[in-house]
Amino acid sequence: MKVELLEATPNPEKVVARAARNDYMSEYGADMDFEEVMADIDGDTLEEKKETLIGHLLSHGHFGPFEHVQATFHVKGISRSCMAQITRHRHASFDIQSMRYVSFDDVDPEDVAEGELVVTPPSATDPDWIGRNQKTGAVDEETVEKREEVFRESVKRSVEDYQELLDLGMPPEDARFVLPIGTEVNMVMSLNARMLMHVADMRAAADAQWEIRQMTESILDYAAEWCPLTFDYYEENMKNRKNRLAP
């Protein structure tokens, strides 16, 4: 998996602050310098004033101003399973690599058995891995070797069957039905800062599946650079309080 920030609102916390101050000002803020807009907020510098205001907004549940700033991420190599989870979230926009128009006829099934094209879950190779709703605990080396063998043979066979169906003239949009849910896709996702925090509430939590948790943590790393005051406060005071930011 690879996550990259494609584009984001410049000076996002200045936008958040202006939006929040608008709610309590009789003047028209767009005609005022930012220093004037923030004049009666506690702090010796503009950065301190922004930190005060953002902390106040988040601690009092005033999340609306955070909907005015947006970031777009490009995600490479997530499974269709992970894609199905993340696209359940409303108030986010997605473009997903199409398996109707992109075919995998040139992929070597032997490479698929070694990890290409299909995401391999940790439980296929790690005897100590414990997942949610797992009926058993850690297993011995012999058992996990058998797991890995079954998994790799299955995904290899699926791609072989897929390619044979293409050779038999079946369109990619129909042949794809035999591919596993672990097949990799690329995705572009856009969401505002409030929704990003809500996604993190749900998908960076300890009980989230390992893949979507990894993706969300990578997005949060970018968010910490993009909106540092906001996500510093989120990490310290709000993370893992599920659904707190649900619209």
C-alpha atoms as a PDB file:
ATOM      1  CA  MET A   1       0.000   0.000   0.000  1.00  0.00           C
ATOM      2  CA  LYS A   2       1.094   3.547  -0.716  1.00  0.00           C
ATOM      3  CA  VAL A   3      -0.693   6.759   0.306  1.00  0.00           C
ATOM      4  CA  GLU A   4       0.111  10.199  -1.090  1.00  0.00           C
ATOM      5  CA  LEU A   5      -1.423  13.629  -0.593  1.00  0.00           C
ATOM      6  CA  LEU A   6      -2.408  14.978  -4.022  1.00  0.00           C
ATOM      7  CA  GLU A   7      -3.901  18.347  -3.117  1.00  0.00           C
ATOM      8  CA  ALA A   8      -5.176  20.176  -0.056  1.00  0.00           C
ATOM      9  CA  THR A   9      -6.645  23.540   0.935  1.00  0.00           C
ATOM     10  CA  PRO A  10      -3.761  25.978   1.515  1.00  0.00           C
ATOM     11  CA  ASN A  11      -3.614  27.614   4.973  1.00  0.00           C
ATOM     12  CA  PRO A  12      -6.449  25.378   6.179  1.00  0.00           C
ATOM     13  CA  GLU A  13      -6.458  26.473   9.808  1.00  0.00           C
ATOM     14  CA  LYS A  14      -6.669  30.110   8.779  1.00  0.00           C
ATOM     15  CA  VAL A  15      -9.789  29.194   6.791  1.00  0.00           C
ATOM     16  CA  VAL A  16     -11.205  27.279   9.786  1.00  0.00           C
ATOM     17  CA  ALA A  17     -10.531  30.247  12.071  1.00  0.00           C
ATOM     18  CA  ARG A  18     -12.141  32.764   9.697  1.00  0.00           C
ATOM     19  CA  ALA A  19     -15.203  30.538   9.318  1.00  0.00           C
ATOM     20  CA  ALA A  20     -15.546  30.104  13.073  1.00  0.00           C
ATOM     21  CA  ARG A  21     -15.088  33.821  13.831  1.00  0.00           C
ATOM     22  CA  ASN A  22     -17.747  34.699  11.255  1.00  0.00           C
ATOM     23  CA  ASP A  23     -20.380  33.163  13.538  1.00  0.00           C
ATOM     24  CA  TYR A  24     -19.763  35.711  16.306  1.00  0.00           C
ATOM     25  CA  MET A  25     -18.840  38.896  14.421  1.00  0.00           C
ATOM     26  CA  SER A  26     -21.127  41.706  13.340  1.00  0.00           C
ATOM     27  CA  GLU A  27     -18.535  42.868  10.773  1.00  0.00           C
ATOM     28  CA  TYR A  28     -17.949  41.272   7.369  1.00  0.00           C
ATOM     29  CA  GLY A  29     -14.757  39.282   7.916  1.00  0.00           C
ATOM     30  CA  ALA A  30     -13.612  39.220   4.299  1.00  0.00           C
ATOM     31  CA  ASP A  31     -13.000  42.986   4.508  1.00  0.00           C
ATOM     32  CA  MET A  32     -10.728  42.535   7.542  1.00  0.00           C
ATOM     33  CA  ASP A  33      -7.117  41.449   7.954  1.00  0.00           C
ATOM     34  CA  PHE A  34      -6.684  38.105   9.689  1.00  0.00           C
ATOM     35  CA  GLU A  35      -5.056  39.902  12.612  1.00  0.00           C
ATOM     36  CA  GLU A  36      -8.245  41.944  13.085  1.00  0.00           C
ATOM     37  CA  VAL A  37     -10.444  38.864  12.845  1.00  0.00           C
ATOM     38  CA  MET A  38      -8.421  37.183  15.593  1.00  0.00           C
ATOM     39  CA  ALA A  39      -7.870  40.274  17.738  1.00  0.00           C
ATOM     40  CA  ASP A  40      -9.881  39.191  20.794  1.00  0.00           C
ATOM     41  CA  ILE A  41      -8.685  35.552  20.858  1.00  0.00           C
ATOM     42  CA  ASP A  42      -6.204  34.679  23.617  1.00  0.00           C
ATOM     43  CA  GLY A  43      -2.569  34.374  22.535  1.00  0.00           C
ATOM     44  CA  ASP A  44       0.516  36.513  21.938  1.00  0.00           C
ATOM     45  CA  THR A  45       0.972  35.450  18.313  1.00  0.00           C
ATOM     46  CA  LEU A  46      -1.396  34.531  15.482  1.00  0.00           C
ATOM     47  CA  GLU A  47      -0.280  30.915  15.789  1.00  0.00           C
ATOM     48  CA  GLU A  48      -1.122  30.889  19.492  1.00  0.00           C
ATOM     49  CA  LYS A  49      -4.490  32.505  18.772  1.00  0.00           C
ATOM     50  CA  LYS A  50      -5.273  29.856  16.153  1.00  0.00           C
ATOM     51  CA  GLU A  51      -4.312  27.131  18.611  1.00  0.00           C
ATOM     52  CA  THR A  52      -6.594  28.633  21.258  1.00  0.00           C
ATOM     53  CA  LEU A  53      -9.522  28.921  18.878  1.00  0.00           C
ATOM     54  CA  ILE A  54      -9.126  25.455  17.322  1.00  0.00           C
ATOM     55  CA  GLY A  55      -8.843  23.842  20.731  1.00  0.00           C
ATOM     56  CA  HIS A  56     -11.981  25.660  21.850  1.00  0.00           C
ATOM     57  CA  LEU A  57     -13.905  24.560  18.749  1.00  0.00           C
ATOM     58  CA  LEU A  58     -12.959  20.900  19.106  1.00  0.00           C
ATOM     59  CA  SER A  59     -13.486  20.748  22.857  1.00  0.00           C
ATOM     60  CA  HIS A  60     -16.956  22.285  22.545  1.00  0.00           C
ATOM     61  CA  GLY A  61     -18.106  20.169  19.613  1.00  0.00           C
ATOM     62  CA  HIS A  62     -18.203  23.049  17.123  1.00  0.00           C
ATOM     63  CA  PHE A  63     -17.106  20.982  14.123  1.00  0.00           C
ATOM     64  CA  GLY A  64     -18.755  22.883  11.263  1.00  0.00           C
ATOM     65  CA  PRO A  65     -15.781  25.176  10.497  1.00  0.00           C
ATOM     66  CA  PHE A  66     -13.634  22.123   9.779  1.00  0.00           C
ATOM     67  CA  GLU A  67     -15.864  21.221   6.837  1.00  0.00           C
ATOM     68  CA  HIS A  68     -14.535  24.161   4.796  1.00  0.00           C
ATOM     69  CA  VAL A  69     -11.085  22.639   4.199  1.00  0.00           C
ATOM     70  CA  GLN A  70     -10.477  19.547   2.108  1.00  0.00           C
ATOM     71  CA  ALA A  71      -7.663  17.166   1.198  1.00  0.00           C
ATOM     72  CA  THR A  72      -7.332  14.683  -1.674  1.00  0.00           C
ATOM     73  CA  PHE A  73      -5.328  11.475  -1.281  1.00  0.00           C
ATOM     74  CA  HIS A  74      -4.143   8.910  -3.811  1.00  0.00           C
ATOM     75  CA  VAL A  75      -4.016   5.377  -2.425  1.00  0.00           C
ATOM     76  CA  LYS A  76      -2.227   2.573  -4.238  1.00  0.00           C
ATOM     77  CA  GLY A  77      -2.769  -1.138  -3.790  1.00  0.00           C
ATOM     78  CA  ILE A  78      -5.630  -1.554  -1.339  1.00  0.00           C
ATOM     79  CA  SER A  79      -7.829  -4.625  -1.506  1.00  0.00           C
ATOM     80  CA  ARG A  80     -11.395  -4.550  -2.762  1.00  0.00           C
ATOM     81  CA  SER A  81     -12.308  -5.492   0.805  1.00  0.00           C
ATOM     82  CA  CYS A  82     -10.669  -2.345   2.192  1.00  0.00           C
ATOM     83  CA  MET A  83     -12.233  -0.268  -0.585  1.00  0.00           C
ATOM     84  CA  ALA A  84     -15.677  -1.560   0.351  1.00  0.00           C
ATOM     85  CA  GLN A  85     -15.135  -0.484   3.961  1.00  0.00           C
ATOM     86  CA  ILE A  86     -13.885   3.039   3.285  1.00  0.00           C
ATOM     87  CA  THR A  87     -16.510   3.831   0.652  1.00  0.00           C
ATOM     88  CA  ARG A  88     -19.280   3.239   3.199  1.00  0.00           C
ATOM     89  CA  HIS A  89     -18.454   6.660   4.645  1.00  0.00           C
ATOM     90  CA  ARG A  90     -20.698   9.494   3.508  1.00  0.00           C
ATOM     91  CA  HIS A  91     -19.470  13.039   2.841  1.00  0.00           C
ATOM     92  CA  ALA A  92     -16.323  11.786   1.114  1.00  0.00           C
ATOM     93  CA  SER A  93     -15.691  11.463  -2.642  1.00  0.00           C
ATOM     94  CA  PHE A  94     -14.049   8.470  -4.321  1.00  0.00           C
ATOM     95  CA  ASP A  95     -12.713   7.392  -7.684  1.00  0.00           C
ATOM     96  CA  ILE A  96     -11.801   3.709  -7.836  1.00  0.00           C
ATOM     97  CA  GLN A  97      -9.696   1.952 -10.462  1.00  0.00           C
ATOM     98  CA  SER A  98     -12.175   0.166 -12.720  1.00  0.00           C
ATOM     99  CA  MET A  99     -11.976  -3.592 -13.196  1.00  0.00           C
ATOM    100  CA  ARG A 100     -14.377  -3.208 -16.122  1.00  0.00           C
ATOM    101  CA  TYR A 101     -11.916  -1.192 -18.179  1.00  0.00           C
ATOM    102  CA  VAL A 102      -8.586  -2.287 -16.656  1.00  0.00           C
ATOM    103  CA  SER A 103      -7.827  -5.966 -17.243  1.00  0.00           C
ATOM    104  CA  PHE A 104      -5.074  -8.095 -15.731  1.00  0.00           C
ATOM    105  CA  ASP A 105      -4.421 -10.322 -18.716  1.00  0.00           C
ATOM    106  CA  ASP A 106      -0.658  -9.761 -18.622  1.00  0.00           C
ATOM    107  CA  VAL A 107      -0.135 -10.589 -14.935  1.00  0.00           C
ATOM    108  CA  ASP A 108       1.799 -13.817 -14.331  1.00  0.00           C
ATOM    109  CA  PRO A 109      -0.213 -16.094 -11.988  1.00  0.00           C
ATOM    110  CA  GLU A 110       3.059 -17.290 -10.484  1.00  0.00           C
ATOM    111  CA  ASP A 111       3.780 -13.692  -9.453  1.00  0.00           C
ATOM    112  CA  VAL A 112       0.315 -13.492  -7.939  1.00  0.00           C
ATOM    113  CA  ALA A 113       1.164 -16.516  -5.793  1.00  0.00           C
ATOM    114  CA  GLU A 114       4.184 -14.538  -4.551  1.00  0.00           C
ATOM    115  CA  GLY A 115       2.166 -11.455  -3.611  1.00  0.00           C
ATOM    116  CA  GLU A 116       1.532  -9.435  -6.775  1.00  0.00           C
ATOM    117  CA  LEU A 117      -1.972  -8.078  -7.531  1.00  0.00           C
ATOM    118  CA  VAL A 118      -3.631  -9.574  -4.432  1.00  0.00           C
ATOM    119  CA  VAL A 119      -3.166  -8.255  -0.883  1.00  0.00           C
ATOM    120  CA  THR A 120      -1.912 -11.006   1.449  1.00  0.00           C
ATOM    121  CA  PRO A 121      -3.399 -10.736   4.959  1.00  0.00           C
ATOM    122  CA  PRO A 122      -0.921 -11.105   7.845  1.00  0.00           C
ATOM    123  CA  SER A 123      -2.819 -14.113   9.216  1.00  0.00           C
ATOM    124  CA  ALA A 124      -1.776 -16.083   6.109  1.00  0.00           C
ATOM    125  CA  THR A 125       1.885 -15.974   7.121  1.00  0.00           C
ATOM    126  CA  ASP A 126       2.070 -15.054  10.825  1.00  0.00           C
ATOM    127  CA  PRO A 127       1.289 -17.895  13.267  1.00  0.00           C
ATOM    128  CA  ASP A 128       0.822 -15.415  16.128  1.00  0.00           C
ATOM    129  CA  TRP A 129      -1.644 -13.148  14.330  1.00  0.00           C
ATOM    130  CA  ILE A 130      -5.001 -12.828  16.084  1.00  0.00           C
ATOM    131  CA  GLY A 131      -7.820 -11.150  14.188  1.00  0.00           C
ATOM    132  CA  ARG A 132     -11.257  -9.986  15.181  1.00  0.00           C
ATOM    133  CA  ASN A 133     -13.879 -12.761  15.421  1.00  0.00           C
ATOM    134  CA  GLN A 134     -11.161 -15.396  15.119  1.00  0.00           C
ATOM    135  CA  LYS A 135     -12.349 -18.662  16.660  1.00  0.00           C
ATOM    136  CA  THR A 136      -8.856 -19.893  17.566  1.00  0.00           C
ATOM    137  CA  GLY A 137      -5.702 -18.292  18.928  1.00  0.00           C
ATOM    138  CA  ALA A 138      -2.122 -18.552  17.726  1.00  0.00           C
ATOM    139  CA  VAL A 139      -1.271 -21.607  15.625  1.00  0.00           C
ATOM    140  CA  ASP A 140       1.857 -23.694  15.060  1.00  0.00           C
ATOM    141  CA  GLU A 141       4.248 -23.265  12.141  1.00  0.00           C
ATOM    142  CA  GLU A 142       2.860 -26.258  10.281  1.00  0.00           C
ATOM    143  CA  THR A 143      -0.666 -24.824  10.350  1.00  0.00           C
ATOM    144  CA  VAL A 144       0.363 -21.380   9.144  1.00  0.00           C
ATOM    145  CA  GLU A 145       2.446 -22.930   6.354  1.00  0.00           C
ATOM    146  CA  LYS A 146      -0.676 -24.760   5.216  1.00  0.00           C
ATOM    147  CA  ARG A 147      -2.689 -21.531   5.435  1.00  0.00           C
ATOM    148  CA  GLU A 148      -0.160 -19.760   3.227  1.00  0.00           C
ATOM    149  CA  GLU A 149      -0.125 -22.634   0.725  1.00  0.00           C
ATOM    150  CA  VAL A 150      -3.922 -22.683   0.451  1.00  0.00           C
ATOM    151  CA  PHE A 151      -4.122 -18.902   0.142  1.00  0.00           C
ATOM    152  CA  ARG A 152      -1.429 -18.594  -2.519  1.00  0.00           C
ATOM    153  CA  GLU A 153      -2.786 -21.496  -4.583  1.00  0.00           C
ATOM    154  CA  SER A 154      -6.286 -20.058  -4.401  1.00  0.00           C
ATOM    155  CA  VAL A 155      -5.368 -16.571  -5.637  1.00  0.00           C
ATOM    156  CA  LYS A 156      -3.099 -18.019  -8.321  1.00  0.00           C
ATOM    157  CA  ARG A 157      -5.918 -20.266  -9.564  1.00  0.00           C
ATOM    158  CA  SER A 158      -8.371 -17.369  -9.550  1.00  0.00           C
ATOM    159  CA  VAL A 159      -6.131 -15.300 -11.814  1.00  0.00           C
ATOM    160  CA  GLU A 160      -5.519 -18.299 -14.094  1.00  0.00           C
ATOM    161  CA  ASP A 161      -9.291 -18.814 -14.390  1.00  0.00           C
ATOM    162  CA  TYR A 162      -9.823 -15.080 -14.985  1.00  0.00           C
ATOM    163  CA  GLN A 163      -7.275 -15.026 -17.804  1.00  0.00           C
ATOM    164  CA  GLU A 164      -8.727 -18.179 -19.344  1.00  0.00           C
ATOM    165  CA  LEU A 165     -12.173 -16.589 -19.366  1.00  0.00           C
ATOM    166  CA  LEU A 166     -10.700 -13.539 -21.144  1.00  0.00           C
ATOM    167  CA  ASP A 167      -9.103 -15.869 -23.700  1.00  0.00           C
ATOM    168  CA  LEU A 168     -12.531 -17.451 -24.189  1.00  0.00           C
ATOM    169  CA  GLY A 169     -13.942 -14.058 -25.100  1.00  0.00           C
ATOM    170  CA  MET A 170     -15.647 -13.121 -21.849  1.00  0.00           C
ATOM    171  CA  PRO A 171     -15.586  -9.337 -21.249  1.00  0.00           C
ATOM    172  CA  PRO A 172     -13.385  -8.129 -18.358  1.00  0.00           C
ATOM    173  CA  GLU A 173     -16.449  -6.774 -16.541  1.00  0.00           C
ATOM    174  CA  ASP A 174     -17.775 -10.349 -16.291  1.00  0.00           C
ATOM    175  CA  ALA A 175     -14.520 -12.297 -16.013  1.00  0.00           C
ATOM    176  CA  ARG A 176     -13.614 -10.241 -12.926  1.00  0.00           C
ATOM    177  CA  PHE A 177     -16.290 -12.075 -10.946  1.00  0.00           C
ATOM    178  CA  VAL A 178     -13.820 -14.912 -10.271  1.00  0.00           C
ATOM    179  CA  LEU A 179     -11.117 -12.620  -8.861  1.00  0.00           C
ATOM    180  CA  PRO A 180     -10.699 -12.592  -5.054  1.00  0.00           C
ATOM    181  CA  ILE A 181     -11.896  -9.758  -2.841  1.00  0.00           C
ATOM    182  CA  GLY A 182      -8.242  -9.189  -1.979  1.00  0.00           C
ATOM    183  CA  THR A 183      -7.479  -7.973  -5.531  1.00  0.00           C
ATOM    184  CA  GLU A 184      -5.589  -4.674  -5.418  1.00  0.00           C
ATOM    185  CA  VAL A 185      -7.091  -1.430  -6.704  1.00  0.00           C
ATOM    186  CA  ASN A 186      -5.989   2.196  -6.682  1.00  0.00           C
ATOM    187  CA  MET A 187      -8.218   4.928  -5.276  1.00  0.00           C
ATOM    188  CA  VAL A 188      -8.476   8.720  -5.124  1.00  0.00           C
ATOM    189  CA  MET A 189     -10.322  10.016  -2.060  1.00  0.00           C
ATOM    190  CA  SER A 190     -11.299  13.552  -1.070  1.00  0.00           C
ATOM    191  CA  LEU A 191     -12.758  14.581   2.271  1.00  0.00           C
ATOM    192  CA  ASN A 192     -12.908  17.570   4.579  1.00  0.00           C
ATOM    193  CA  ALA A 193     -11.090  17.805   7.895  1.00  0.00           C
ATOM    194  CA  ARG A 194     -14.169  17.029   9.963  1.00  0.00           C
ATOM    195  CA  MET A 195     -14.895  13.891   7.942  1.00  0.00           C
ATOM    196  CA  LEU A 196     -11.249  12.877   8.124  1.00  0.00           C
ATOM    197  CA  MET A 197     -11.435  12.940  11.916  1.00  0.00           C
ATOM    198  CA  HIS A 198     -14.635  10.925  11.816  1.00  0.00           C
ATOM    199  CA  VAL A 199     -13.044   8.320   9.525  1.00  0.00           C
ATOM    200  CA  ALA A 200     -10.106   8.157  11.921  1.00  0.00           C
ATOM    201  CA  ASP A 201     -12.504   7.642  14.839  1.00  0.00           C
ATOM    202  CA  MET A 202     -13.837   4.556  13.092  1.00  0.00           C
ATOM    203  CA  ARG A 203     -10.947   3.222  11.027  1.00  0.00           C
ATOM    204  CA  ALA A 204      -7.835   3.937  13.105  1.00  0.00           C
ATOM    205  CA  ALA A 205      -9.416   2.285  16.143  1.00  0.00           C
ATOM    206  CA  ALA A 206      -7.900  -0.848  17.648  1.00  0.00           C
ATOM    207  CA  ASP A 207     -10.814  -2.998  16.506  1.00  0.00           C
ATOM    208  CA  ALA A 208     -10.632  -1.844  12.867  1.00  0.00           C
ATOM    209  CA  GLN A 209      -9.245  -4.299  10.334  1.00  0.00           C
ATOM    210  CA  TRP A 210      -5.469  -4.104   9.930  1.00  0.00           C
ATOM    211  CA  GLU A 211      -5.490  -2.867   6.306  1.00  0.00           C
ATOM    212  CA  ILE A 212      -7.884   0.052   6.670  1.00  0.00           C
ATOM    213  CA  ARG A 213      -6.209   0.967   9.956  1.00  0.00           C
ATOM    214  CA  GLN A 214      -2.838   1.129   8.183  1.00  0.00           C
ATOM    215  CA  MET A 215      -4.306   3.306   5.425  1.00  0.00           C
ATOM    216  CA  THR A 216      -5.987   5.646   7.910  1.00  0.00           C
ATOM    217  CA  GLU A 217      -2.842   6.040   9.994  1.00  0.00           C
ATOM    218  CA  SER A 218      -0.924   6.985   6.828  1.00  0.00           C
ATOM    219  CA  ILE A 219      -3.568   9.602   6.001  1.00  0.00           C
ATOM    220  CA  LEU A 220      -3.348  10.950   9.563  1.00  0.00           C
ATOM    221  CA  ASP A 221       0.418  11.387   9.133  1.00  0.00           C
ATOM    222  CA  TYR A 222      -0.262  13.723   6.205  1.00  0.00           C
ATOM    223  CA  ALA A 223      -3.060  15.444   8.114  1.00  0.00           C
ATOM    224  CA  ALA A 224      -0.659  16.211  10.964  1.00  0.00           C
ATOM    225  CA  GLU A 225       1.456  18.214   8.508  1.00  0.00           C
ATOM    226  CA  TRP A 226      -1.480  19.781   6.688  1.00  0.00           C
ATOM    227  CA  CYS A 227      -3.510  20.866   9.771  1.00  0.00           C
ATOM    228  CA  PRO A 228      -0.989  20.547  12.617  1.00  0.00           C
ATOM    229  CA  LEU A 229      -2.929  22.348  15.350  1.00  0.00           C
ATOM    230  CA  THR A 230      -6.127  20.482  14.570  1.00  0.00           C
ATOM    231  CA  PHE A 231      -4.666  17.013  14.419  1.00  0.00           C
ATOM    232  CA  ASP A 232      -2.292  17.524  17.354  1.00  0.00           C
ATOM    233  CA  TYR A 233      -5.379  18.292  19.439  1.00  0.00           C
ATOM    234  CA  TYR A 234      -7.244  15.365  17.882  1.00  0.00           C
ATOM    235  CA  GLU A 235      -4.427  12.907  18.663  1.00  0.00           C
ATOM    236  CA  GLU A 236      -4.042  14.096  22.245  1.00  0.00           C
ATOM    237  CA  ASN A 237      -7.663  14.574  23.236  1.00  0.00           C
ATOM    238  CA  MET A 238     -10.137  12.962  20.864  1.00  0.00           C
ATOM    239  CA  LYS A 239      -8.758   9.927  19.047  1.00  0.00           C
ATOM    240  CA  ASN A 240     -10.588   6.617  19.631  1.00  0.00           C
ATOM    241  CA  ARG A 241     -13.794   8.285  20.835  1.00  0.00           C
ATOM    242  CA  LYS A 242     -15.918   6.562  18.213  1.00  0.00           C
ATOM    243  CA  ASN A 243     -18.583   8.456  16.303  1.00  0.00           C
ATOM    244  CA  ARG A 244     -17.921  11.707  18.132  1.00  0.00           C
ATOM    245  CA  LEU A 245     -17.720  13.517  14.822  1.00  0.00           C
ATOM    246  CA  ALA A 246     -20.530  11.693  13.033  1.00  0.00           C
ATOM    247  CA  PRO A 247     -22.646  14.204  11.066  1.00  0.00           C
END
